[in-house]
Amino acid sequence: MRASQFASMRSQIFRAAMSIPANIAEGRRQQSEKEFARFLGYALNSSSELEYHLIVARDTKAIREGDFVSLVSQTITVRKMLYGLIRRLSTPEIGTIAPPLKKARSP
């Protein structure tokens, strides 16, 4: 997707893709698993947004079918992992995840 006519689409795809791990990382730094799950929900929403942008990119011939299949498959795999982690966090007896690391104090 190099043509300048697809610059905006490329930017949207990049932003949605980068938002997924950014929300996971930000959520992990929260004080509770409930807050962490909220950020995982944001990451889940970003994965849906990414899938939509990939569909549009394929339909407008901005990306090849083979690239689309690979990228959307990876997106769906990540979404399934997010659903599993959210489900685990919402199950009290097994939903314990190690607390986030505390920030090191500067000297």
Protein backbone atom coordinates (compact mmCIF):
# COMPACT_ATOMS: atom_id res chain seq x y z
CA MET A 1 0.00 0.00 0.00
CA ARG A 2 2.39 2.65 -1.24
CA ALA A 3 0.26 4.88 -3.44
CA SER A 4 -0.28 8.35 -2.03
CA GLN A 5 -4.02 7.94 -2.58
CA PHE A 6 -3.99 5.38 0.24
CA ALA A 7 -1.95 7.44 2.72
CA SER A 8 -4.94 8.13 4.95
CA MET A 9 -6.00 4.49 4.93
CA ARG A 10 -2.45 3.36 5.70
CA SER A 11 -2.37 5.79 8.62
CA GLN A 12 -5.67 4.49 10.01
CA ILE A 13 -4.50 0.88 9.73
CA PHE A 14 -1.23 1.73 11.47
CA ARG A 15 -2.99 3.62 14.28
CA ALA A 16 -5.50 0.84 14.93
CA ALA A 17 -2.75 -1.79 14.90
CA MET A 18 -0.53 0.20 17.30
CA SER A 19 -3.45 0.93 19.60
CA ILE A 20 -3.88 -2.76 20.46
CA PRO A 21 -0.56 -3.35 22.27
CA ALA A 22 -0.54 0.22 23.60
CA ASN A 23 -3.84 -0.36 25.41
CA ILE A 24 -2.64 -3.71 26.74
CA ALA A 25 0.53 -2.11 28.11
CA GLU A 26 -1.32 0.86 29.58
CA GLY A 27 -3.93 -1.39 31.14
CA ARG A 28 -1.33 -3.61 32.72
CA ARG A 29 -0.04 -0.63 34.68
CA GLN A 30 -3.44 -0.06 36.28
CA GLN A 31 -4.09 -0.82 39.93
CA SER A 32 -6.77 -3.49 39.56
CA GLU A 33 -7.69 -6.34 37.28
CA LYS A 34 -11.03 -4.64 36.62
CA GLU A 35 -9.19 -1.60 35.23
CA PHE A 36 -6.85 -3.88 33.27
CA ALA A 37 -9.89 -5.61 31.73
CA ARG A 38 -11.28 -2.20 30.73
CA PHE A 39 -8.12 -1.45 28.73
CA LEU A 40 -8.22 -4.93 27.22
CA GLY A 41 -11.70 -3.98 26.02
CA TYR A 42 -10.22 -0.92 24.33
CA ALA A 43 -7.64 -3.18 22.67
CA LEU A 44 -10.46 -5.47 21.56
CA ASN A 45 -12.28 -2.52 20.01
CA SER A 46 -9.08 -1.51 18.21
CA SER A 47 -8.78 -5.02 16.78
CA SER A 48 -12.30 -4.72 15.37
CA GLU A 49 -11.42 -1.32 13.91
CA LEU A 50 -8.27 -2.79 12.37
CA GLU A 51 -10.25 -5.63 10.80
CA TYR A 52 -12.68 -3.13 9.29
CA HIS A 53 -9.85 -1.04 7.81
CA LEU A 54 -8.26 -4.19 6.37
CA ILE A 55 -11.57 -5.14 4.73
CA VAL A 56 -11.84 -1.68 3.19
CA ALA A 57 -8.21 -1.87 2.03
CA ARG A 58 -8.90 -5.20 0.34
CA ASP A 59 -12.15 -4.01 -1.23
CA THR A 60 -10.48 -0.90 -2.66
CA LYS A 61 -7.54 -3.00 -3.91
CA ALA A 62 -5.13 -1.13 -1.64
CA ILE A 63 -3.78 -4.49 -0.45
CA ARG A 64 -3.58 -7.86 -2.16
CA GLU A 65 -5.96 -10.65 -1.19
CA GLY A 66 -3.10 -12.78 0.15
CA ASP A 67 -1.91 -9.95 2.40
CA PHE A 68 -5.46 -9.37 3.58
CA VAL A 69 -5.97 -13.04 4.49
CA SER A 70 -2.73 -13.12 6.48
CA LEU A 71 -3.34 -9.82 8.28
CA VAL A 72 -6.98 -10.44 9.12
CA SER A 73 -6.11 -13.94 10.37
CA GLN A 74 -3.51 -12.47 12.73
CA THR A 75 -6.00 -9.83 13.86
CA ILE A 76 -8.61 -12.48 14.65
CA THR A 77 -6.04 -14.55 16.56
CA VAL A 78 -5.14 -11.54 18.69
CA ARG A 79 -8.84 -10.84 19.29
CA LYS A 80 -9.38 -14.41 20.49
CA MET A 81 -6.46 -14.05 22.90
CA LEU A 82 -7.91 -10.81 24.23
CA TYR A 83 -11.33 -12.43 24.73
CA GLY A 84 -9.66 -15.29 26.61
CA LEU A 85 -7.72 -12.95 28.87
CA ILE A 86 -10.79 -10.83 29.59
CA ARG A 87 -12.77 -13.98 30.37
CA ARG A 88 -10.01 -15.18 32.70
CA LEU A 89 -9.93 -11.85 34.52
CA SER A 90 -13.69 -11.97 35.04
CA THR A 91 -13.51 -15.43 36.66
CA PRO A 92 -12.75 -14.72 40.34
CA GLU A 93 -11.20 -18.03 41.35
CA ILE A 94 -8.66 -18.15 38.52
CA GLY A 95 -8.52 -14.49 37.56
CA THR A 96 -5.47 -13.57 39.55
CA ILE A 97 -2.68 -12.08 37.55
CA ALA A 98 0.52 -10.78 39.07
CA PRO A 99 0.27 -7.09 40.01
CA PRO A 100 2.00 -4.56 37.78
CA LEU A 101 5.59 -3.74 38.58
CA LYS A 102 5.99 -0.63 40.69
CA LYS A 103 7.84 2.27 39.14
CA ALA A 104 11.42 2.60 40.28
CA ARG A 105 12.10 5.79 42.17
CA SER A 106 14.61 8.18 40.76
CA PRO A 107 17.57 9.01 43.03
